N, C-alpha and C. Protein backbone atom coordinates (compact mmCIF):
# COMPACT_ATOMS: atom_id res chain seq x y z
N MET A 1 8.09 9.19 23.97
CA MET A 1 9.07 9.19 22.89
C MET A 1 8.62 8.32 21.72
N ILE A 2 7.97 7.19 21.99
CA ILE A 2 7.51 6.30 20.91
C ILE A 2 6.48 7.01 20.03
N TYR A 3 5.66 7.88 20.63
CA TYR A 3 4.67 8.59 19.83
C TYR A 3 5.33 9.53 18.84
N PHE A 4 6.41 10.20 19.28
CA PHE A 4 7.15 11.06 18.36
C PHE A 4 7.79 10.22 17.26
N GLU A 5 8.33 9.05 17.62
CA GLU A 5 8.93 8.16 16.62
C GLU A 5 7.90 7.72 15.59
N LEU A 6 6.71 7.34 16.06
CA LEU A 6 5.64 6.94 15.15
C LEU A 6 5.27 8.10 14.22
N PHE A 7 5.07 9.27 14.80
CA PHE A 7 4.72 10.45 14.00
C PHE A 7 5.81 10.74 12.97
N TYR A 8 7.05 10.80 13.43
CA TYR A 8 8.17 11.16 12.56
C TYR A 8 8.38 10.14 11.44
N SER A 9 8.26 8.85 11.76
CA SER A 9 8.44 7.82 10.72
C SER A 9 7.40 7.99 9.63
N PHE A 10 6.15 8.21 10.01
CA PHE A 10 5.11 8.36 9.00
C PHE A 10 5.12 9.74 8.37
N PHE A 11 5.65 10.73 9.05
CA PHE A 11 5.83 12.04 8.43
C PHE A 11 6.82 11.91 7.27
N LYS A 12 7.94 11.21 7.51
CA LYS A 12 8.94 10.99 6.44
C LYS A 12 8.31 10.23 5.27
N ILE A 13 7.55 9.19 5.59
CA ILE A 13 6.91 8.40 4.54
C ILE A 13 5.92 9.28 3.76
N GLY A 14 5.11 10.06 4.49
CA GLY A 14 4.14 10.93 3.83
C GLY A 14 4.79 12.02 3.01
N LEU A 15 5.94 12.49 3.45
CA LEU A 15 6.63 13.56 2.76
C LEU A 15 7.12 13.13 1.38
N PHE A 16 7.45 11.86 1.24
CA PHE A 16 8.00 11.38 -0.03
C PHE A 16 7.09 10.41 -0.76
N THR A 17 5.83 10.34 -0.36
CA THR A 17 4.89 9.45 -1.03
C THR A 17 4.13 10.24 -2.09
N PHE A 18 4.64 10.17 -3.29
CA PHE A 18 3.95 10.76 -4.43
C PHE A 18 3.37 9.60 -5.23
N GLY A 19 2.12 9.69 -5.60
CA GLY A 19 1.52 8.64 -6.42
C GLY A 19 0.62 7.71 -5.65
N GLY A 20 0.35 7.98 -4.40
CA GLY A 20 -0.61 7.18 -3.66
C GLY A 20 0.00 6.05 -2.86
N GLY A 21 -0.89 5.23 -2.33
CA GLY A 21 -0.52 4.17 -1.40
C GLY A 21 0.44 3.14 -1.94
N TYR A 22 0.28 2.76 -3.20
CA TYR A 22 1.17 1.74 -3.76
C TYR A 22 2.59 2.26 -3.90
N ALA A 23 2.72 3.53 -4.20
CA ALA A 23 4.05 4.12 -4.33
C ALA A 23 4.75 4.23 -2.98
N MET A 24 4.00 4.15 -1.89
CA MET A 24 4.62 4.27 -0.58
C MET A 24 5.15 2.94 -0.06
N ILE A 25 4.85 1.83 -0.71
CA ILE A 25 5.27 0.52 -0.22
C ILE A 25 6.78 0.42 -0.05
N PRO A 26 7.59 0.84 -1.03
CA PRO A 26 9.04 0.78 -0.80
C PRO A 26 9.49 1.62 0.41
N LEU A 27 8.85 2.75 0.63
CA LEU A 27 9.19 3.59 1.79
C LEU A 27 8.78 2.89 3.09
N LEU A 28 7.61 2.26 3.09
CA LEU A 28 7.17 1.51 4.27
C LEU A 28 8.14 0.38 4.59
N GLU A 29 8.56 -0.33 3.54
CA GLU A 29 9.51 -1.44 3.74
C GLU A 29 10.80 -0.94 4.37
N LYS A 30 11.33 0.14 3.81
CA LYS A 30 12.60 0.68 4.30
C LYS A 30 12.48 1.15 5.76
N GLU A 31 11.44 1.92 6.04
CA GLU A 31 11.31 2.52 7.37
C GLU A 31 10.82 1.51 8.42
N LEU A 32 9.76 0.77 8.11
CA LEU A 32 9.11 -0.06 9.13
C LEU A 32 9.73 -1.44 9.29
N ILE A 33 10.29 -1.98 8.21
CA ILE A 33 10.88 -3.33 8.28
C ILE A 33 12.38 -3.24 8.53
N GLU A 34 13.08 -2.48 7.69
CA GLU A 34 14.54 -2.43 7.80
C GLU A 34 15.03 -1.53 8.94
N ASN A 35 14.51 -0.29 9.00
CA ASN A 35 15.03 0.67 9.99
C ASN A 35 14.48 0.44 11.39
N LYS A 36 13.16 0.39 11.52
CA LYS A 36 12.54 0.32 12.85
C LYS A 36 12.29 -1.11 13.32
N LYS A 37 12.21 -2.04 12.39
CA LYS A 37 11.93 -3.45 12.71
C LYS A 37 10.61 -3.61 13.46
N TRP A 38 9.62 -2.76 13.10
CA TRP A 38 8.30 -2.85 13.69
C TRP A 38 7.47 -3.93 13.02
N LEU A 39 7.82 -4.28 11.77
CA LEU A 39 7.04 -5.23 10.99
C LEU A 39 7.96 -6.22 10.27
N THR A 40 7.36 -7.34 9.86
CA THR A 40 8.03 -8.26 8.95
C THR A 40 7.44 -8.03 7.55
N ASN A 41 8.04 -8.63 6.54
CA ASN A 41 7.50 -8.51 5.17
C ASN A 41 6.07 -9.03 5.11
N ASP A 42 5.83 -10.19 5.73
CA ASP A 42 4.48 -10.77 5.72
C ASP A 42 3.47 -9.86 6.40
N GLU A 43 3.86 -9.26 7.52
CA GLU A 43 2.95 -8.36 8.22
C GLU A 43 2.63 -7.13 7.37
N LEU A 44 3.64 -6.59 6.67
CA LEU A 44 3.38 -5.44 5.80
C LEU A 44 2.43 -5.83 4.68
N LEU A 45 2.61 -7.00 4.12
CA LEU A 45 1.72 -7.47 3.06
C LEU A 45 0.29 -7.59 3.57
N GLU A 46 0.13 -8.13 4.78
CA GLU A 46 -1.20 -8.25 5.37
C GLU A 46 -1.80 -6.87 5.63
N ILE A 47 -1.00 -5.94 6.14
CA ILE A 47 -1.49 -4.59 6.40
C ILE A 47 -1.92 -3.92 5.10
N MET A 48 -1.13 -4.08 4.04
CA MET A 48 -1.50 -3.48 2.76
C MET A 48 -2.79 -4.10 2.21
N SER A 49 -2.96 -5.40 2.41
CA SER A 49 -4.21 -6.04 1.97
C SER A 49 -5.40 -5.48 2.72
N ILE A 50 -5.26 -5.37 4.03
CA ILE A 50 -6.35 -4.82 4.84
C ILE A 50 -6.60 -3.36 4.48
N ALA A 51 -5.54 -2.59 4.28
CA ALA A 51 -5.67 -1.17 3.94
C ALA A 51 -6.39 -0.98 2.62
N GLN A 52 -6.20 -1.91 1.68
CA GLN A 52 -6.87 -1.82 0.39
C GLN A 52 -8.35 -2.15 0.49
N MET A 53 -8.70 -3.05 1.42
CA MET A 53 -10.08 -3.51 1.51
C MET A 53 -10.96 -2.62 2.38
N THR A 54 -10.36 -1.72 3.15
CA THR A 54 -11.15 -0.86 4.02
C THR A 54 -11.34 0.50 3.36
N PRO A 55 -12.45 1.16 3.69
CA PRO A 55 -12.69 2.48 3.09
C PRO A 55 -11.60 3.48 3.48
N GLY A 56 -11.26 4.36 2.56
CA GLY A 56 -10.24 5.38 2.81
C GLY A 56 -9.01 5.12 1.97
N THR A 57 -8.05 6.01 2.11
CA THR A 57 -6.83 5.87 1.32
C THR A 57 -5.91 4.81 1.94
N ILE A 58 -5.14 4.18 1.10
CA ILE A 58 -4.23 3.13 1.55
C ILE A 58 -3.21 3.70 2.53
N ALA A 59 -2.68 4.88 2.24
CA ALA A 59 -1.64 5.47 3.10
C ALA A 59 -2.17 5.71 4.51
N ILE A 60 -3.34 6.31 4.61
CA ILE A 60 -3.91 6.60 5.94
C ILE A 60 -4.30 5.31 6.65
N ASN A 61 -4.92 4.39 5.94
CA ASN A 61 -5.32 3.12 6.55
C ASN A 61 -4.11 2.35 7.07
N ALA A 62 -3.06 2.28 6.26
CA ALA A 62 -1.85 1.55 6.68
C ALA A 62 -1.21 2.23 7.89
N ALA A 63 -1.12 3.55 7.85
CA ALA A 63 -0.52 4.29 8.97
C ALA A 63 -1.32 4.06 10.25
N THR A 64 -2.62 4.18 10.15
CA THR A 64 -3.48 4.00 11.32
C THR A 64 -3.34 2.59 11.88
N PHE A 65 -3.32 1.61 11.00
CA PHE A 65 -3.22 0.22 11.44
C PHE A 65 -1.89 -0.03 12.15
N VAL A 66 -0.80 0.44 11.58
CA VAL A 66 0.52 0.23 12.20
C VAL A 66 0.59 0.94 13.55
N GLY A 67 0.14 2.19 13.60
CA GLY A 67 0.17 2.93 14.86
C GLY A 67 -0.68 2.28 15.93
N TYR A 68 -1.87 1.83 15.54
CA TYR A 68 -2.75 1.17 16.51
C TYR A 68 -2.12 -0.13 17.01
N ARG A 69 -1.50 -0.85 16.09
CA ARG A 69 -0.84 -2.11 16.46
C ARG A 69 0.31 -1.88 17.44
N GLU A 70 1.04 -0.79 17.23
CA GLU A 70 2.20 -0.51 18.08
C GLU A 70 1.80 0.08 19.44
N LYS A 71 0.88 1.06 19.45
CA LYS A 71 0.58 1.78 20.70
C LYS A 71 -0.89 2.13 20.86
N GLY A 72 -1.78 1.32 20.33
CA GLY A 72 -3.21 1.54 20.55
C GLY A 72 -3.75 2.78 19.85
N PHE A 73 -4.83 3.32 20.41
CA PHE A 73 -5.51 4.45 19.81
C PHE A 73 -4.58 5.64 19.58
N LEU A 74 -3.81 6.01 20.60
CA LEU A 74 -2.90 7.16 20.45
C LEU A 74 -1.83 6.92 19.38
N GLY A 75 -1.35 5.70 19.30
CA GLY A 75 -0.39 5.36 18.26
C GLY A 75 -0.99 5.55 16.87
N GLY A 76 -2.22 5.08 16.70
CA GLY A 76 -2.93 5.27 15.43
C GLY A 76 -3.14 6.73 15.11
N LEU A 77 -3.44 7.51 16.12
CA LEU A 77 -3.65 8.95 15.94
C LEU A 77 -2.36 9.64 15.49
N PHE A 78 -1.25 9.30 16.13
CA PHE A 78 0.03 9.93 15.80
C PHE A 78 0.52 9.51 14.40
N THR A 79 0.38 8.24 14.05
CA THR A 79 0.82 7.81 12.71
C THR A 79 -0.06 8.42 11.63
N THR A 80 -1.36 8.49 11.88
CA THR A 80 -2.26 9.09 10.90
C THR A 80 -1.93 10.57 10.71
N ALA A 81 -1.73 11.28 11.80
CA ALA A 81 -1.34 12.70 11.70
C ALA A 81 -0.01 12.84 10.97
N GLY A 82 0.92 11.93 11.25
CA GLY A 82 2.23 11.98 10.61
C GLY A 82 2.16 11.80 9.10
N VAL A 83 1.32 10.90 8.63
CA VAL A 83 1.26 10.64 7.19
C VAL A 83 0.44 11.72 6.46
N ILE A 84 -0.48 12.38 7.16
CA ILE A 84 -1.31 13.42 6.54
C ILE A 84 -0.59 14.77 6.51
N ALA A 85 0.15 15.10 7.57
CA ALA A 85 0.75 16.43 7.72
C ALA A 85 1.59 16.88 6.52
N PRO A 86 2.47 16.03 5.97
CA PRO A 86 3.28 16.51 4.84
C PRO A 86 2.44 16.89 3.62
N SER A 87 1.43 16.11 3.33
CA SER A 87 0.58 16.42 2.17
C SER A 87 -0.10 17.77 2.37
N TYR A 88 -0.61 17.97 3.55
CA TYR A 88 -1.27 19.24 3.86
C TYR A 88 -0.30 20.41 3.69
N LEU A 89 0.89 20.26 4.26
CA LEU A 89 1.88 21.34 4.17
C LEU A 89 2.34 21.58 2.73
N VAL A 90 2.65 20.51 2.02
CA VAL A 90 3.15 20.65 0.64
C VAL A 90 2.08 21.25 -0.27
N ILE A 91 0.85 20.77 -0.15
CA ILE A 91 -0.23 21.31 -0.99
C ILE A 91 -0.47 22.78 -0.70
N THR A 92 -0.45 23.14 0.57
CA THR A 92 -0.64 24.54 0.95
C THR A 92 0.47 25.42 0.37
N ILE A 93 1.70 24.98 0.50
CA ILE A 93 2.84 25.76 -0.03
C ILE A 93 2.76 25.85 -1.55
N ILE A 94 2.54 24.73 -2.21
CA ILE A 94 2.47 24.73 -3.68
C ILE A 94 1.35 25.64 -4.16
N TYR A 95 0.21 25.56 -3.52
CA TYR A 95 -0.91 26.40 -3.93
C TYR A 95 -0.56 27.88 -3.82
N HIS A 96 0.01 28.25 -2.70
CA HIS A 96 0.31 29.67 -2.50
C HIS A 96 1.45 30.18 -3.39
N LEU A 97 2.40 29.33 -3.69
CA LEU A 97 3.55 29.77 -4.48
C LEU A 97 3.36 29.60 -6.00
N PHE A 98 2.67 28.52 -6.39
CA PHE A 98 2.70 28.17 -7.81
C PHE A 98 1.33 28.00 -8.46
N SER A 99 0.25 28.30 -7.79
CA SER A 99 -1.07 28.02 -8.37
C SER A 99 -1.28 28.72 -9.71
N HIS A 100 -0.62 29.81 -9.93
CA HIS A 100 -0.77 30.55 -11.19
C HIS A 100 0.08 29.95 -12.32
N SER A 101 0.98 29.02 -12.01
CA SER A 101 1.90 28.56 -13.05
C SER A 101 1.90 27.04 -13.26
N PHE A 102 0.82 26.33 -12.88
CA PHE A 102 0.77 24.88 -13.09
C PHE A 102 0.84 24.51 -14.57
N GLU A 103 0.35 25.38 -15.42
CA GLU A 103 0.33 25.10 -16.86
C GLU A 103 1.64 25.49 -17.55
N HIS A 104 2.56 26.05 -16.82
CA HIS A 104 3.84 26.46 -17.39
C HIS A 104 4.56 25.21 -17.92
N PRO A 105 5.20 25.29 -19.09
CA PRO A 105 5.87 24.11 -19.66
C PRO A 105 6.91 23.47 -18.75
N ILE A 106 7.62 24.26 -17.97
CA ILE A 106 8.63 23.70 -17.05
C ILE A 106 7.94 22.88 -15.97
N ALA A 107 6.84 23.40 -15.42
CA ALA A 107 6.09 22.66 -14.39
C ALA A 107 5.54 21.37 -14.98
N GLN A 108 5.03 21.44 -16.20
CA GLN A 108 4.47 20.24 -16.84
C GLN A 108 5.54 19.17 -17.06
N LYS A 109 6.75 19.58 -17.44
CA LYS A 109 7.85 18.62 -17.63
C LYS A 109 8.26 18.00 -16.30
N ALA A 110 8.27 18.80 -15.25
CA ALA A 110 8.60 18.26 -13.92
C ALA A 110 7.56 17.24 -13.49
N PHE A 111 6.27 17.55 -13.71
CA PHE A 111 5.20 16.60 -13.37
C PHE A 111 5.32 15.32 -14.19
N MET A 112 5.68 15.45 -15.47
CA MET A 112 5.84 14.28 -16.33
C MET A 112 6.94 13.36 -15.79
N GLY A 113 8.07 13.96 -15.40
CA GLY A 113 9.17 13.18 -14.85
C GLY A 113 8.79 12.49 -13.54
N ALA A 114 8.09 13.21 -12.67
CA ALA A 114 7.65 12.63 -11.40
C ALA A 114 6.69 11.48 -11.64
N ARG A 115 5.75 11.63 -12.59
CA ARG A 115 4.79 10.55 -12.89
C ARG A 115 5.51 9.30 -13.38
N ALA A 116 6.54 9.47 -14.20
CA ALA A 116 7.28 8.30 -14.71
C ALA A 116 7.94 7.55 -13.56
N CYS A 117 8.50 8.27 -12.62
CA CYS A 117 9.13 7.62 -11.46
C CYS A 117 8.09 6.96 -10.57
N ILE A 118 6.93 7.56 -10.45
CA ILE A 118 5.84 6.97 -9.65
C ILE A 118 5.41 5.65 -10.25
N VAL A 119 5.32 5.57 -11.57
CA VAL A 119 4.97 4.31 -12.22
C VAL A 119 6.00 3.23 -11.89
N ALA A 120 7.28 3.60 -11.88
CA ALA A 120 8.34 2.64 -11.52
C ALA A 120 8.18 2.19 -10.07
N LEU A 121 7.89 3.10 -9.16
CA LEU A 121 7.68 2.74 -7.75
C LEU A 121 6.49 1.79 -7.60
N ILE A 122 5.41 2.08 -8.30
CA ILE A 122 4.23 1.22 -8.22
C ILE A 122 4.55 -0.15 -8.82
N GLY A 123 5.28 -0.19 -9.93
CA GLY A 123 5.69 -1.47 -10.52
C GLY A 123 6.54 -2.30 -9.56
N HIS A 124 7.45 -1.64 -8.86
CA HIS A 124 8.28 -2.32 -7.87
C HIS A 124 7.41 -2.91 -6.76
N SER A 125 6.44 -2.13 -6.30
CA SER A 125 5.54 -2.59 -5.25
C SER A 125 4.71 -3.78 -5.72
N VAL A 126 4.22 -3.69 -6.95
CA VAL A 126 3.43 -4.80 -7.50
C VAL A 126 4.27 -6.07 -7.56
N TRP A 127 5.50 -5.95 -8.01
CA TRP A 127 6.38 -7.12 -8.10
C TRP A 127 6.62 -7.74 -6.72
N LYS A 128 6.90 -6.92 -5.72
CA LYS A 128 7.15 -7.43 -4.38
C LYS A 128 5.88 -8.06 -3.78
N MET A 129 4.74 -7.45 -4.01
CA MET A 129 3.48 -8.02 -3.51
C MET A 129 3.18 -9.33 -4.23
N PHE A 130 3.46 -9.40 -5.52
CA PHE A 130 3.25 -10.63 -6.28
C PHE A 130 4.10 -11.75 -5.70
N LYS A 131 5.38 -11.48 -5.48
CA LYS A 131 6.28 -12.51 -4.95
C LYS A 131 5.86 -12.97 -3.57
N GLY A 132 5.31 -12.06 -2.76
CA GLY A 132 4.89 -12.42 -1.41
C GLY A 132 3.54 -13.09 -1.35
N SER A 133 2.71 -12.88 -2.36
CA SER A 133 1.34 -13.39 -2.33
C SER A 133 1.15 -14.65 -3.17
N VAL A 134 1.80 -14.72 -4.29
CA VAL A 134 1.63 -15.85 -5.21
C VAL A 134 2.81 -16.79 -4.99
N THR A 135 2.63 -17.70 -4.04
CA THR A 135 3.75 -18.55 -3.63
C THR A 135 3.59 -20.01 -4.05
N ASP A 136 2.46 -20.36 -4.67
CA ASP A 136 2.25 -21.74 -5.09
C ASP A 136 1.34 -21.75 -6.31
N ARG A 137 1.05 -22.93 -6.83
CA ARG A 137 0.24 -23.02 -8.06
C ARG A 137 -1.20 -22.59 -7.82
N TYR A 138 -1.72 -22.76 -6.61
CA TYR A 138 -3.08 -22.32 -6.31
C TYR A 138 -3.15 -20.79 -6.34
N GLY A 139 -2.18 -20.16 -5.71
CA GLY A 139 -2.12 -18.70 -5.74
C GLY A 139 -1.95 -18.17 -7.15
N LEU A 140 -1.12 -18.85 -7.95
CA LEU A 140 -0.93 -18.44 -9.34
C LEU A 140 -2.23 -18.58 -10.12
N GLY A 141 -2.96 -19.67 -9.87
CA GLY A 141 -4.24 -19.87 -10.54
C GLY A 141 -5.23 -18.77 -10.19
N ILE A 142 -5.34 -18.45 -8.90
CA ILE A 142 -6.24 -17.37 -8.48
C ILE A 142 -5.80 -16.05 -9.08
N PHE A 143 -4.49 -15.80 -9.12
CA PHE A 143 -3.97 -14.57 -9.71
C PHE A 143 -4.35 -14.47 -11.19
N LEU A 144 -4.17 -15.55 -11.94
CA LEU A 144 -4.48 -15.53 -13.37
C LEU A 144 -5.97 -15.34 -13.62
N ILE A 145 -6.81 -16.01 -12.82
CA ILE A 145 -8.26 -15.83 -12.94
C ILE A 145 -8.63 -14.39 -12.63
N ALA A 146 -8.02 -13.82 -11.58
CA ALA A 146 -8.29 -12.43 -11.22
C ALA A 146 -7.88 -11.48 -12.35
N CYS A 147 -6.74 -11.76 -12.99
CA CYS A 147 -6.30 -10.92 -14.11
C CYS A 147 -7.30 -10.97 -15.26
N VAL A 148 -7.78 -12.15 -15.59
CA VAL A 148 -8.77 -12.29 -16.67
C VAL A 148 -10.04 -11.54 -16.31
N LEU A 149 -10.53 -11.74 -15.08
CA LEU A 149 -11.76 -11.05 -14.66
C LEU A 149 -11.58 -9.53 -14.68
N LEU A 150 -10.43 -9.08 -14.26
CA LEU A 150 -10.18 -7.64 -14.19
C LEU A 150 -9.97 -7.01 -15.56
N PHE A 151 -9.07 -7.61 -16.35
CA PHE A 151 -8.71 -6.98 -17.63
C PHE A 151 -9.70 -7.29 -18.75
N ALA A 152 -10.22 -8.51 -18.81
CA ALA A 152 -11.13 -8.87 -19.89
C ALA A 152 -12.57 -8.43 -19.62
N PHE A 153 -12.98 -8.47 -18.35
CA PHE A 153 -14.37 -8.19 -18.03
C PHE A 153 -14.55 -6.91 -17.21
N ASN A 154 -13.45 -6.25 -16.87
CA ASN A 154 -13.48 -5.00 -16.12
C ASN A 154 -14.35 -5.11 -14.86
N ILE A 155 -14.19 -6.22 -14.14
CA ILE A 155 -14.99 -6.48 -12.95
C ILE A 155 -14.65 -5.47 -11.85
N HIS A 156 -15.62 -5.12 -11.05
CA HIS A 156 -15.42 -4.14 -9.98
C HIS A 156 -14.41 -4.69 -8.97
N PRO A 157 -13.47 -3.84 -8.49
CA PRO A 157 -12.43 -4.31 -7.57
C PRO A 157 -12.96 -4.98 -6.30
N ILE A 158 -14.04 -4.46 -5.73
CA ILE A 158 -14.59 -5.07 -4.52
C ILE A 158 -15.09 -6.48 -4.82
N LEU A 159 -15.79 -6.63 -5.93
CA LEU A 159 -16.28 -7.96 -6.32
C LEU A 159 -15.10 -8.90 -6.57
N LEU A 160 -14.05 -8.38 -7.17
CA LEU A 160 -12.86 -9.20 -7.43
C LEU A 160 -12.24 -9.69 -6.12
N ILE A 161 -12.15 -8.83 -5.13
CA ILE A 161 -11.60 -9.23 -3.83
C ILE A 161 -12.48 -10.30 -3.19
N VAL A 162 -13.80 -10.12 -3.27
CA VAL A 162 -14.73 -11.11 -2.70
C VAL A 162 -14.59 -12.45 -3.42
N ILE A 163 -14.48 -12.42 -4.74
CA ILE A 163 -14.30 -13.65 -5.52
C ILE A 163 -12.97 -14.32 -5.13
N GLY A 164 -11.90 -13.54 -5.02
CA GLY A 164 -10.60 -14.09 -4.63
C GLY A 164 -10.65 -14.74 -3.26
N ALA A 165 -11.29 -14.06 -2.31
CA ALA A 165 -11.43 -14.63 -0.96
C ALA A 165 -12.24 -15.92 -1.03
N GLY A 166 -13.28 -15.92 -1.84
CA GLY A 166 -14.10 -17.13 -2.00
C GLY A 166 -13.31 -18.27 -2.62
N MET A 167 -12.48 -17.97 -3.61
CA MET A 167 -11.65 -19.02 -4.23
C MET A 167 -10.66 -19.58 -3.21
N GLY A 168 -10.03 -18.71 -2.43
CA GLY A 168 -9.09 -19.17 -1.41
C GLY A 168 -9.79 -20.03 -0.37
N LEU A 169 -10.95 -19.61 0.08
CA LEU A 169 -11.72 -20.38 1.05
C LEU A 169 -12.17 -21.71 0.44
N GLY A 170 -12.60 -21.67 -0.82
CA GLY A 170 -13.01 -22.90 -1.50
C GLY A 170 -11.88 -23.91 -1.59
N LEU A 171 -10.69 -23.44 -1.92
CA LEU A 171 -9.53 -24.34 -1.97
C LEU A 171 -9.27 -24.96 -0.61
N TYR A 172 -9.37 -24.15 0.44
CA TYR A 172 -9.13 -24.64 1.79
C TYR A 172 -10.18 -25.68 2.18
N LEU A 173 -11.44 -25.43 1.83
CA LEU A 173 -12.53 -26.35 2.21
C LEU A 173 -12.54 -27.64 1.40
N PHE A 174 -12.26 -27.54 0.10
CA PHE A 174 -12.38 -28.70 -0.78
C PHE A 174 -11.07 -29.45 -1.01
N PHE A 175 -9.95 -28.81 -0.76
CA PHE A 175 -8.66 -29.47 -0.97
C PHE A 175 -7.73 -29.28 0.23
N PRO A 176 -8.22 -29.55 1.45
CA PRO A 176 -7.38 -29.27 2.63
C PRO A 176 -6.10 -30.10 2.67
N LYS A 177 -6.17 -31.35 2.25
CA LYS A 177 -4.98 -32.20 2.32
C LYS A 177 -3.91 -31.70 1.36
N GLN A 178 -4.29 -31.37 0.15
CA GLN A 178 -3.33 -30.87 -0.84
C GLN A 178 -2.68 -29.57 -0.36
N LEU A 179 -3.47 -28.69 0.21
CA LEU A 179 -2.92 -27.42 0.70
C LEU A 179 -2.02 -27.64 1.89
N LYS A 180 -2.41 -28.59 2.77
CA LYS A 180 -1.57 -28.88 3.93
C LYS A 180 -0.22 -29.44 3.48
N ASP A 181 -0.24 -30.36 2.50
CA ASP A 181 1.00 -30.92 1.96
C ASP A 181 1.86 -29.84 1.29
N LEU A 182 1.19 -28.94 0.60
CA LEU A 182 1.88 -27.87 -0.10
C LEU A 182 2.58 -26.91 0.86
N LEU A 183 1.96 -26.65 2.01
CA LEU A 183 2.50 -25.69 2.97
C LEU A 183 3.54 -26.29 3.91
N LYS A 184 3.80 -27.57 3.82
CA LYS A 184 4.81 -28.19 4.68
C LYS A 184 6.20 -27.81 4.27
């Protein structure tokens, strides 16, 4: 029964995840934290961080990680299938029914409206991740440096993650007492 629950939970998430992995964060919070109580906010934040750093899409990586955490290999298999299945079905249906009319003005207006809502979902996810990740002045400093490196110098995302991890490790190694006092 748990395998069906895992599949169904991620099927629902996959069915309404338009706009990629960041847009699915509010759905993950609702289903996995509030409804199922499989995760805490901190655990979801950690899973999203890991999902971003590993090859593949965030949605599939997050689903696989949660499923594996809950029920091992089979759990990961069921959650991954659950999050992929809706996209496969929806794309197949849309292609067969509407492939000739994607350029139609009504379809374009519908896509425009959906994109605007996706931006709002991603903004909400960014805000929640910011609040959960930047909890002190050191985190704020690393965040601001990362913003400068990203926006002013267009640094590669992988390099940015490595630099951020290095800054966090450096703070821990060179300022352990200050960080320990801060975390009390």
